[in-house]
C-alpha cells in the first residue's frame, strides 16, 4: 500500500515499479497490437494498491463518413487525468488525440479505449513488442550485425582495444555474434 502522503508522481512511479514489459497480444491485419484489456489487467491492481484513478474526459470530437459512407471515422481529443484517490486535487493530466473507424456506433468507444490505453502506456513507460526476443536490450547479445560492424570499424579507426572500448569483459567475442532477426 502506498504512503498516504505520496503525491501523484510518487504514486505513478510506484505503479511503474509494479508493471513491466507487456507483450503485444493481438494480430490486426499485418500488425501486432496490445489490447486495452491487457493493459487494464496489468495496471488494475497496482493502480488500486497505490490509490491512482484514471479519469478520461472528452475535450472535442468530430465524425466523418468514409469509404462510400460505409464507415464512420471518429476523431476524439481526450483529456486523461491520473488522480490521487486520497487527495483528488492532486492529479496530472494531458491530452491524447485518438481516431477510430467503425461501421456502427462503436467508433467513439474504440477511440476512448485507444486514448486511455496509450496514455497509460506512455505515462508508465511500459514497453511493448511483438515478442520478448524482439526487445532491444543494452547488452551485446542483441546488437545487430550492422551495429557490430559499425562498432568494429570505429574501434579499428580509433586504434582502440575492443575489450577496453566496450568495458565489458565478456564481450571478447562480441564481433562474432550472429545477427538477430
Foldseek 3Di string as FASTA:
>chain_A
DADLPDFLLRLLQQLLVQAAADEQDDDDPPDGHRFLVSLCVRRVVSCVVSQKDKDKDWPDKDWDADDVSQKIKIKTKIKIKIARNSDRVRIDIDIDIFIAIDRDDCGVVVRVSVRVSVVSCVSSVYHYDNDPLPDDDPDLLAQFLVNLVVVVVVCVVVVHDVCVVVVDNVCPVSNVRHGDD
